[in-house]
Amino acid sequence: MYKLIALDMDGTLLNSKKNISNSNLTAIKNAKKIGSKVVLATGRPLKGIKKYLKELDLINTEDYCVVFNGAVVQNVKTEEILCKKLLTINDVKNIYDISKDLNIHLHLLTLDSCITPKIGKYTQLESDLNHIPLQIKDFNKLDKNLEVVKVIFADEPDTITKSIEKLPKELFKKFTIVRSAPYFLEFLNKDVNKGTGVQLLAKNLHIPKHNIICVGDAGNDIHMIKYAGLGVAMGNAFPEVKNIADYITLTNDNDGVAHVINKFILNNETAV
């Protein structure tokens, strides 16, 4: 039996209107009733998913979330942090210098703020989606003690694609770099990804990987999909995500999450 299902949010649990469908909501509630642990694993901060956690009734002391793409694993009710892996200010300055060379917008996230040297369309989107304050600061004068969770290139999809091609190769050894959306390219501590986040939580809960399902659609979901006993790609997932998945479900606008839960948890079926 699958005892834990980790769900990405945008493009997975949420439909294109950023809502949880009735079918997905019902399937999650039924999975919880038979003892399966449901965990949101997202690039968003805890503040950015609280309304969804409340809607799903995942707000109790036994509920956890994997946020900031695995950089933080946190108790939902108490907000106790089980794990936190950060970037240094020197890391930030390095990425910032490259962003200037590429002429691309960027911002950084702390646990409770979004900071940018210059407001752009997609930096504002990050702030609005996650209900976190947006601050403008000189990145050359950041407090050396600032706890930076991640840095994000935030720009037009074509600009992001071109920037990936131009990034120095050594950056991919120094950081975990994932494309979480067509307009976001994220830089995290090299030991951080959703897979390590889910793995840490599973160890804490004494749940072996063969009892875990992970579901996602984008590049930042690849690590956890590879880690899981059953790795699932959404029907709307990036091609590279589908290529590594054990199973491809329906799209996020066709209740793909509910399909997975109904097939593999509620009916107690196994992957083939």
C-alpha atoms as a PDB file:
ATOM      1  CA  MET A   1       0.000   0.000   0.000  1.00  0.00           C
ATOM      2  CA  TYR A   2       1.159   3.506  -0.765  1.00  0.00           C
ATOM      3  CA  LYS A   3       1.393   5.362   2.532  1.00  0.00           C
ATOM      4  CA  LEU A   4       2.479   8.812   1.319  1.00  0.00           C
ATOM      5  CA  ILE A   5       1.646  10.832  -1.776  1.00  0.00           C
ATOM      6  CA  ALA A   6       3.615  14.018  -2.456  1.00  0.00           C
ATOM      7  CA  LEU A   7       1.873  16.457  -4.771  1.00  0.00           C
ATOM      8  CA  ASP A   8       3.264  19.376  -6.690  1.00  0.00           C
ATOM      9  CA  MET A   9       0.918  22.361  -6.736  1.00  0.00           C
ATOM     10  CA  ASP A  10       0.993  24.481  -9.907  1.00  0.00           C
ATOM     11  CA  GLY A  11       0.273  22.421 -13.004  1.00  0.00           C
ATOM     12  CA  THR A  12      -0.488  19.341 -10.882  1.00  0.00           C
ATOM     13  CA  LEU A  13      -2.938  19.646  -7.990  1.00  0.00           C
ATOM     14  CA  LEU A  14      -4.178  23.054  -9.151  1.00  0.00           C
ATOM     15  CA  ASN A  15      -6.030  23.415 -12.436  1.00  0.00           C
ATOM     16  CA  SER A  16      -5.308  26.219 -14.881  1.00  0.00           C
ATOM     17  CA  LYS A  17      -7.550  28.525 -12.826  1.00  0.00           C
ATOM     18  CA  LYS A  18      -5.380  27.833  -9.732  1.00  0.00           C
ATOM     19  CA  ASN A  19      -8.197  25.919  -8.042  1.00  0.00           C
ATOM     20  CA  ILE A  20      -8.468  22.447  -6.509  1.00  0.00           C
ATOM     21  CA  SER A  21     -11.220  20.541  -8.311  1.00  0.00           C
ATOM     22  CA  ASN A  22     -13.954  18.762  -6.390  1.00  0.00           C
ATOM     23  CA  SER A  23     -12.697  15.429  -7.713  1.00  0.00           C
ATOM     24  CA  ASN A  24      -9.169  16.053  -6.483  1.00  0.00           C
ATOM     25  CA  LEU A  25     -10.459  17.297  -3.134  1.00  0.00           C
ATOM     26  CA  THR A  26     -12.666  14.244  -2.628  1.00  0.00           C
ATOM     27  CA  ALA A  27      -9.905  11.807  -3.605  1.00  0.00           C
ATOM     28  CA  ILE A  28      -7.451  13.414  -1.182  1.00  0.00           C
ATOM     29  CA  LYS A  29      -9.948  13.330   1.672  1.00  0.00           C
ATOM     30  CA  ASN A  30     -10.695   9.659   0.972  1.00  0.00           C
ATOM     31  CA  ALA A  31      -6.979   8.823   0.857  1.00  0.00           C
ATOM     32  CA  LYS A  32      -6.531  10.469   4.254  1.00  0.00           C
ATOM     33  CA  LYS A  33      -9.434   8.439   5.678  1.00  0.00           C
ATOM     34  CA  ILE A  34      -7.623   5.163   4.958  1.00  0.00           C
ATOM     35  CA  GLY A  35      -4.388   6.440   6.494  1.00  0.00           C
ATOM     36  CA  SER A  36      -2.391   7.711   3.532  1.00  0.00           C
ATOM     37  CA  LYS A  37      -0.265  10.770   4.237  1.00  0.00           C
ATOM     38  CA  VAL A  38      -0.828  13.629   1.757  1.00  0.00           C
ATOM     39  CA  VAL A  39       2.017  16.130   1.437  1.00  0.00           C
ATOM     40  CA  LEU A  40       2.252  19.235  -0.729  1.00  0.00           C
ATOM     41  CA  ALA A  41       5.696  19.496  -2.336  1.00  0.00           C
ATOM     42  CA  THR A  42       6.069  22.859  -4.003  1.00  0.00           C
ATOM     43  CA  GLY A  43       8.393  25.645  -4.999  1.00  0.00           C
ATOM     44  CA  ARG A  44       6.166  28.015  -3.051  1.00  0.00           C
ATOM     45  CA  PRO A  45       6.750  29.058   0.569  1.00  0.00           C
ATOM     46  CA  LEU A  46       4.403  27.893   3.317  1.00  0.00           C
ATOM     47  CA  LYS A  47       2.677  31.274   3.268  1.00  0.00           C
ATOM     48  CA  GLY A  48       1.869  30.777  -0.406  1.00  0.00           C
ATOM     49  CA  ILE A  49      -0.003  27.498   0.108  1.00  0.00           C
ATOM     50  CA  LYS A  50      -1.834  28.070   3.393  1.00  0.00           C
ATOM     51  CA  LYS A  51      -5.234  28.635   1.813  1.00  0.00           C
ATOM     52  CA  TYR A  52      -4.912  25.361  -0.087  1.00  0.00           C
ATOM     53  CA  LEU A  53      -3.756  23.493   3.015  1.00  0.00           C
ATOM     54  CA  LYS A  54      -6.840  24.765   4.833  1.00  0.00           C
ATOM     55  CA  GLU A  55      -9.101  23.722   1.966  1.00  0.00           C
ATOM     56  CA  LEU A  56      -7.567  20.231   2.055  1.00  0.00           C
ATOM     57  CA  ASP A  57      -7.703  20.066   5.862  1.00  0.00           C
ATOM     58  CA  LEU A  58      -3.944  19.520   5.997  1.00  0.00           C
ATOM     59  CA  ILE A  59      -3.489  21.918   8.910  1.00  0.00           C
ATOM     60  CA  ASN A  60      -2.980  19.598  11.840  1.00  0.00           C
ATOM     61  CA  THR A  61       0.100  18.821  13.931  1.00  0.00           C
ATOM     62  CA  GLU A  62       0.729  15.618  11.969  1.00  0.00           C
ATOM     63  CA  ASP A  63       0.746  17.448   8.624  1.00  0.00           C
ATOM     64  CA  TYR A  64       3.931  18.495   6.836  1.00  0.00           C
ATOM     65  CA  CYS A  65       4.928  20.212   3.620  1.00  0.00           C
ATOM     66  CA  VAL A  66       8.002  20.329   1.404  1.00  0.00           C
ATOM     67  CA  VAL A  67       8.387  23.956   0.331  1.00  0.00           C
ATOM     68  CA  PHE A  68      10.855  26.111  -1.609  1.00  0.00           C
ATOM     69  CA  ASN A  69      11.529  23.091  -3.864  1.00  0.00           C
ATOM     70  CA  GLY A  70      12.856  21.051  -0.969  1.00  0.00           C
ATOM     71  CA  ALA A  71      15.030  23.705   0.661  1.00  0.00           C
ATOM     72  CA  VAL A  72      12.645  23.702   3.646  1.00  0.00           C
ATOM     73  CA  VAL A  73      10.652  20.837   5.179  1.00  0.00           C
ATOM     74  CA  GLN A  74       8.147  22.159   7.647  1.00  0.00           C
ATOM     75  CA  ASN A  75       5.328  21.231  10.011  1.00  0.00           C
ATOM     76  CA  VAL A  76       2.176  22.924   8.772  1.00  0.00           C
ATOM     77  CA  LYS A  77       0.551  23.556  12.147  1.00  0.00           C
ATOM     78  CA  THR A  78       3.512  24.560  14.302  1.00  0.00           C
ATOM     79  CA  GLU A  79       5.669  25.829  11.394  1.00  0.00           C
ATOM     80  CA  GLU A  80       8.581  23.967  12.985  1.00  0.00           C
ATOM     81  CA  ILE A  81      11.345  23.512  10.413  1.00  0.00           C
ATOM     82  CA  LEU A  82      12.674  19.957  10.146  1.00  0.00           C
ATOM     83  CA  CYS A  83      15.299  20.914   7.595  1.00  0.00           C
ATOM     84  CA  LYS A  84      16.556  24.144   6.054  1.00  0.00           C
ATOM     85  CA  LYS A  85      19.371  24.441   3.502  1.00  0.00           C
ATOM     86  CA  LEU A  86      20.253  27.928   2.341  1.00  0.00           C
ATOM     87  CA  LEU A  87      22.366  29.884  -0.121  1.00  0.00           C
ATOM     88  CA  THR A  88      25.147  32.201   0.995  1.00  0.00           C
ATOM     89  CA  ILE A  89      25.320  35.888   0.182  1.00  0.00           C
ATOM     90  CA  ASN A  90      28.341  35.114  -2.006  1.00  0.00           C
ATOM     91  CA  ASP A  91      26.151  32.648  -3.916  1.00  0.00           C
ATOM     92  CA  VAL A  92      23.577  35.391  -4.419  1.00  0.00           C
ATOM     93  CA  LYS A  93      26.157  37.852  -5.689  1.00  0.00           C
ATOM     94  CA  ASN A  94      27.557  35.279  -8.098  1.00  0.00           C
ATOM     95  CA  ILE A  95      24.120  34.581  -9.588  1.00  0.00           C
ATOM     96  CA  TYR A  96      23.305  38.295  -9.627  1.00  0.00           C
ATOM     97  CA  ASP A  97      26.442  39.106 -11.630  1.00  0.00           C
ATOM     98  CA  ILE A  98      25.473  36.485 -14.192  1.00  0.00           C
ATOM     99  CA  SER A  99      21.940  37.887 -14.414  1.00  0.00           C
ATOM    100  CA  LYS A 100      23.379  41.293 -15.278  1.00  0.00           C
ATOM    101  CA  ASP A 101      25.519  39.763 -18.019  1.00  0.00           C
ATOM    102  CA  LEU A 102      22.412  38.050 -19.413  1.00  0.00           C
ATOM    103  CA  ASN A 103      20.191  41.119 -18.910  1.00  0.00           C
ATOM    104  CA  ILE A 104      17.579  39.070 -17.097  1.00  0.00           C
ATOM    105  CA  HIS A 105      15.317  39.881 -14.143  1.00  0.00           C
ATOM    106  CA  LEU A 106      15.831  38.047 -10.880  1.00  0.00           C
ATOM    107  CA  HIS A 107      14.759  38.008  -7.247  1.00  0.00           C
ATOM    108  CA  LEU A 108      15.537  36.074  -4.102  1.00  0.00           C
ATOM    109  CA  LEU A 109      13.308  34.537  -1.473  1.00  0.00           C
ATOM    110  CA  THR A 110      13.806  34.365   2.261  1.00  0.00           C
ATOM    111  CA  LEU A 111      11.376  32.462   4.460  1.00  0.00           C
ATOM    112  CA  ASP A 112       9.010  35.431   4.493  1.00  0.00           C
ATOM    113  CA  SER A 113      10.044  37.968   1.856  1.00  0.00           C
ATOM    114  CA  CYS A 114      10.771  38.480  -1.821  1.00  0.00           C
ATOM    115  CA  ILE A 115      13.672  40.815  -2.634  1.00  0.00           C
ATOM    116  CA  THR A 116      14.668  42.162  -6.043  1.00  0.00           C
ATOM    117  CA  PRO A 117      17.038  44.817  -7.385  1.00  0.00           C
ATOM    118  CA  LYS A 118      14.432  45.776  -9.984  1.00  0.00           C
ATOM    119  CA  ILE A 119      10.752  44.872 -10.262  1.00  0.00           C
ATOM    120  CA  GLY A 120       9.812  42.804 -13.280  1.00  0.00           C
ATOM    121  CA  LYS A 121       6.555  41.275 -14.469  1.00  0.00           C
ATOM    122  CA  TYR A 122       7.279  37.801 -13.129  1.00  0.00           C
ATOM    123  CA  THR A 123       8.860  38.944  -9.883  1.00  0.00           C
ATOM    124  CA  GLN A 124       5.614  40.756  -9.175  1.00  0.00           C
ATOM    125  CA  LEU A 125       3.751  37.562 -10.078  1.00  0.00           C
ATOM    126  CA  GLU A 126       5.792  35.616  -7.489  1.00  0.00           C
ATOM    127  CA  SER A 127       4.913  38.172  -4.822  1.00  0.00           C
ATOM    128  CA  ASP A 128       1.221  38.198  -5.715  1.00  0.00           C
ATOM    129  CA  LEU A 129       0.828  34.407  -5.972  1.00  0.00           C
ATOM    130  CA  ASN A 130       2.443  33.730  -2.627  1.00  0.00           C
ATOM    131  CA  HIS A 131       1.160  36.751  -0.700  1.00  0.00           C
ATOM    132  CA  ILE A 132       4.659  37.783   0.330  1.00  0.00           C
ATOM    133  CA  PRO A 133       5.930  41.371   0.476  1.00  0.00           C
ATOM    134  CA  LEU A 134       8.111  42.576  -2.386  1.00  0.00           C
ATOM    135  CA  GLN A 135      11.135  44.656  -1.469  1.00  0.00           C
ATOM    136  CA  ILE A 136      13.582  46.519  -3.690  1.00  0.00           C
ATOM    137  CA  LYS A 137      17.186  46.392  -2.480  1.00  0.00           C
ATOM    138  CA  ASP A 138      20.683  46.792  -3.855  1.00  0.00           C
ATOM    139  CA  PHE A 139      22.012  43.241  -4.171  1.00  0.00           C
ATOM    140  CA  ASN A 140      25.538  44.549  -3.611  1.00  0.00           C
ATOM    141  CA  LYS A 141      24.523  45.729  -0.141  1.00  0.00           C
ATOM    142  CA  LEU A 142      22.600  42.760   1.220  1.00  0.00           C
ATOM    143  CA  ASP A 143      22.981  41.866   4.887  1.00  0.00           C
ATOM    144  CA  LYS A 144      25.584  39.102   5.114  1.00  0.00           C
ATOM    145  CA  ASN A 145      23.350  37.313   7.643  1.00  0.00           C
ATOM    146  CA  LEU A 146      20.303  37.294   5.351  1.00  0.00           C
ATOM    147  CA  GLU A 147      18.870  33.771   5.135  1.00  0.00           C
ATOM    148  CA  VAL A 148      18.372  33.235   1.409  1.00  0.00           C
ATOM    149  CA  VAL A 149      16.403  30.144   0.442  1.00  0.00           C
ATOM    150  CA  LYS A 150      16.645  30.506  -3.323  1.00  0.00           C
ATOM    151  CA  VAL A 151      17.352  32.896  -6.186  1.00  0.00           C
ATOM    152  CA  ILE A 152      15.122  32.958  -9.268  1.00  0.00           C
ATOM    153  CA  PHE A 153      15.605  34.203 -12.800  1.00  0.00           C
ATOM    154  CA  ALA A 154      12.129  35.534 -13.607  1.00  0.00           C
ATOM    155  CA  ASP A 155      11.513  36.596 -17.187  1.00  0.00           C
ATOM    156  CA  GLU A 156       9.826  35.774 -20.480  1.00  0.00           C
ATOM    157  CA  PRO A 157       9.970  32.045 -21.370  1.00  0.00           C
ATOM    158  CA  ASP A 158      12.170  32.600 -24.434  1.00  0.00           C
ATOM    159  CA  THR A 159      14.542  34.689 -22.364  1.00  0.00           C
ATOM    160  CA  ILE A 160      14.759  31.928 -19.734  1.00  0.00           C
ATOM    161  CA  THR A 161      15.452  29.303 -22.406  1.00  0.00           C
ATOM    162  CA  LYS A 162      18.261  31.361 -23.888  1.00  0.00           C
ATOM    163  CA  SER A 163      19.735  32.070 -20.457  1.00  0.00           C
ATOM    164  CA  ILE A 164      19.962  28.342 -19.673  1.00  0.00           C
ATOM    165  CA  GLU A 165      22.028  27.822 -22.801  1.00  0.00           C
ATOM    166  CA  LYS A 166      24.422  30.587 -21.762  1.00  0.00           C
ATOM    167  CA  LEU A 167      24.928  29.655 -18.120  1.00  0.00           C
ATOM    168  CA  PRO A 168      28.523  28.743 -17.177  1.00  0.00           C
ATOM    169  CA  LYS A 169      28.780  24.959 -16.839  1.00  0.00           C
ATOM    170  CA  GLU A 170      30.340  25.190 -13.392  1.00  0.00           C
ATOM    171  CA  LEU A 171      27.070  26.628 -12.046  1.00  0.00           C
ATOM    172  CA  PHE A 172      25.348  23.283 -12.550  1.00  0.00           C
ATOM    173  CA  LYS A 173      27.914  21.695 -10.223  1.00  0.00           C
ATOM    174  CA  LYS A 174      27.652  24.470  -7.661  1.00  0.00           C
ATOM    175  CA  PHE A 175      23.842  24.726  -7.433  1.00  0.00           C
ATOM    176  CA  THR A 176      20.671  22.766  -7.994  1.00  0.00           C
ATOM    177  CA  ILE A 177      19.144  24.554 -10.997  1.00  0.00           C
ATOM    178  CA  VAL A 178      15.546  23.763 -11.931  1.00  0.00           C
ATOM    179  CA  ARG A 179      12.972  25.280 -14.239  1.00  0.00           C
ATOM    180  CA  SER A 180       9.818  25.407 -12.133  1.00  0.00           C
ATOM    181  CA  ALA A 181       7.729  27.260 -14.733  1.00  0.00           C
ATOM    182  CA  PRO A 182       8.324  28.529 -18.262  1.00  0.00           C
ATOM    183  CA  TYR A 183       9.191  31.934 -16.745  1.00  0.00           C
ATOM    184  CA  PHE A 184      11.136  30.799 -13.613  1.00  0.00           C
ATOM    185  CA  LEU A 185      14.635  29.336 -13.373  1.00  0.00           C
ATOM    186  CA  GLU A 186      15.565  28.589  -9.762  1.00  0.00           C
ATOM    187  CA  PHE A 187      18.959  28.340  -8.073  1.00  0.00           C
ATOM    188  CA  LEU A 188      19.129  26.401  -4.797  1.00  0.00           C
ATOM    189  CA  ASN A 189      21.688  24.901  -2.455  1.00  0.00           C
ATOM    190  CA  LYS A 190      23.367  22.031  -4.345  1.00  0.00           C
ATOM    191  CA  ASP A 191      22.046  19.511  -1.810  1.00  0.00           C
ATOM    192  CA  VAL A 192      18.433  20.656  -2.266  1.00  0.00           C
ATOM    193  CA  ASN A 193      15.604  19.408  -4.469  1.00  0.00           C
ATOM    194  CA  LYS A 194      12.089  18.078  -3.979  1.00  0.00           C
ATOM    195  CA  GLY A 195      13.436  14.533  -3.945  1.00  0.00           C
ATOM    196  CA  THR A 196      15.730  15.174  -0.982  1.00  0.00           C
ATOM    197  CA  GLY A 197      12.900  17.027   0.755  1.00  0.00           C
ATOM    198  CA  VAL A 198      10.438  14.157   0.376  1.00  0.00           C
ATOM    199  CA  GLN A 199      13.142  11.658   1.336  1.00  0.00           C
ATOM    200  CA  LEU A 200      13.944  13.528   4.553  1.00  0.00           C
ATOM    201  CA  LEU A 201      10.280  13.729   5.510  1.00  0.00           C
ATOM    202  CA  ALA A 202       9.722  10.059   4.692  1.00  0.00           C
ATOM    203  CA  LYS A 203      12.666   9.098   6.900  1.00  0.00           C
ATOM    204  CA  ASN A 204      11.215  11.218   9.709  1.00  0.00           C
ATOM    205  CA  LEU A 205       7.865   9.457   9.290  1.00  0.00           C
ATOM    206  CA  HIS A 206       9.459   5.993   8.869  1.00  0.00           C
ATOM    207  CA  ILE A 207       7.929   5.465   5.421  1.00  0.00           C
ATOM    208  CA  PRO A 208      10.060   3.519   2.886  1.00  0.00           C
ATOM    209  CA  LYS A 209      10.345   4.833  -0.653  1.00  0.00           C
ATOM    210  CA  HIS A 210       8.446   1.915  -2.193  1.00  0.00           C
ATOM    211  CA  ASN A 211       5.379   3.137  -0.274  1.00  0.00           C
ATOM    212  CA  ILE A 212       5.628   6.647  -1.761  1.00  0.00           C
ATOM    213  CA  ILE A 213       3.976   8.252  -4.793  1.00  0.00           C
ATOM    214  CA  CYS A 214       5.247  11.587  -6.141  1.00  0.00           C
ATOM    215  CA  VAL A 215       3.284  13.539  -8.747  1.00  0.00           C
ATOM    216  CA  GLY A 216       4.435  16.562 -10.768  1.00  0.00           C
ATOM    217  CA  ASP A 217       4.636  18.298 -14.111  1.00  0.00           C
ATOM    218  CA  ALA A 218       7.775  20.448 -14.340  1.00  0.00           C
ATOM    219  CA  GLY A 219      11.553  20.272 -14.175  1.00  0.00           C
ATOM    220  CA  ASN A 220      11.612  20.912 -10.449  1.00  0.00           C
ATOM    221  CA  ASP A 221       9.571  17.735  -9.920  1.00  0.00           C
ATOM    222  CA  ILE A 222      12.005  15.378 -11.648  1.00  0.00           C
ATOM    223  CA  HIS A 223      14.087  14.571  -8.571  1.00  0.00           C
ATOM    224  CA  MET A 224      11.098  13.496  -6.479  1.00  0.00           C
ATOM    225  CA  ILE A 225       9.508  11.562  -9.343  1.00  0.00           C
ATOM    226  CA  LYS A 226      12.762   9.631  -9.759  1.00  0.00           C
ATOM    227  CA  TYR A 227      12.980   9.039  -6.001  1.00  0.00           C
ATOM    228  CA  ALA A 228       9.440   7.729  -5.483  1.00  0.00           C
ATOM    229  CA  GLY A 229       8.333   4.124  -5.483  1.00  0.00           C
ATOM    230  CA  LEU A 230       5.815   5.320  -8.068  1.00  0.00           C
ATOM    231  CA  GLY A 231       6.806   8.452  -9.950  1.00  0.00           C
ATOM    232  CA  VAL A 232       3.905  10.056 -11.805  1.00  0.00           C
ATOM    233  CA  ALA A 233       3.920  12.735 -14.505  1.00  0.00           C
ATOM    234  CA  MET A 234       0.868  14.794 -15.299  1.00  0.00           C
ATOM    235  CA  GLY A 235      -0.636  14.600 -18.777  1.00  0.00           C
ATOM    236  CA  ASN A 236       0.382  18.241 -19.195  1.00  0.00           C
ATOM    237  CA  ALA A 237       3.939  17.647 -17.937  1.00  0.00           C
ATOM    238  CA  PHE A 238       7.113  18.756 -19.685  1.00  0.00           C
ATOM    239  CA  PRO A 239       8.355  16.027 -22.089  1.00  0.00           C
ATOM    240  CA  GLU A 240      11.471  15.437 -19.979  1.00  0.00           C
ATOM    241  CA  VAL A 241       9.252  14.743 -16.948  1.00  0.00           C
ATOM    242  CA  LYS A 242       7.123  12.225 -18.819  1.00  0.00           C
ATOM    243  CA  ASN A 243      10.277  10.482 -20.023  1.00  0.00           C
ATOM    244  CA  ILE A 244      11.410   9.578 -16.498  1.00  0.00           C
ATOM    245  CA  ALA A 245       8.001   8.807 -14.963  1.00  0.00           C
ATOM    246  CA  ASP A 246       6.686   5.339 -14.114  1.00  0.00           C
ATOM    247  CA  TYR A 247       3.165   6.407 -14.985  1.00  0.00           C
ATOM    248  CA  ILE A 248       1.499   9.291 -16.850  1.00  0.00           C
ATOM    249  CA  THR A 249      -1.853  10.415 -15.497  1.00  0.00           C
ATOM    250  CA  LEU A 250      -4.466  12.827 -16.867  1.00  0.00           C
ATOM    251  CA  THR A 251      -3.871  16.590 -17.084  1.00  0.00           C
ATOM    252  CA  ASN A 252      -4.341  19.054 -14.249  1.00  0.00           C
ATOM    253  CA  ASP A 253      -7.554  20.238 -15.901  1.00  0.00           C
ATOM    254  CA  ASN A 254      -8.854  16.667 -16.032  1.00  0.00           C
ATOM    255  CA  ASP A 255      -8.359  15.661 -12.385  1.00  0.00           C
ATOM    256  CA  GLY A 256      -5.057  13.856 -12.922  1.00  0.00           C
ATOM    257  CA  VAL A 257      -4.335  13.759  -9.190  1.00  0.00           C
ATOM    258  CA  ALA A 258      -7.712  12.164  -8.426  1.00  0.00           C
ATOM    259  CA  HIS A 259      -7.043   9.555 -11.114  1.00  0.00           C
ATOM    260  CA  VAL A 260      -3.740   8.565  -9.456  1.00  0.00           C
ATOM    261  CA  ILE A 261      -5.264   8.352  -5.978  1.00  0.00           C
ATOM    262  CA  ASN A 262      -8.279   6.375  -7.169  1.00  0.00           C
ATOM    263  CA  LYS A 263      -6.137   3.938  -9.153  1.00  0.00           C
ATOM    264  CA  PHE A 264      -3.175   3.366  -6.868  1.00  0.00           C
ATOM    265  CA  ILE A 265      -4.342   4.208  -3.335  1.00  0.00           C
ATOM    266  CA  LEU A 266      -8.081   3.760  -2.974  1.00  0.00           C
ATOM    267  CA  ASN A 267      -8.200   0.629  -5.141  1.00  0.00           C
ATOM    268  CA  ASN A 268      -4.871  -0.568  -3.702  1.00  0.00           C
ATOM    269  CA  GLU A 269      -3.505  -1.253  -7.183  1.00  0.00           C
ATOM    270  CA  THR A 270       0.214  -1.353  -7.935  1.00  0.00           C
ATOM    271  CA  ALA A 271       2.130   0.187 -10.789  1.00  0.00           C
ATOM    272  CA  VAL A 272       2.975  -1.969 -13.804  1.00  0.00           C
END
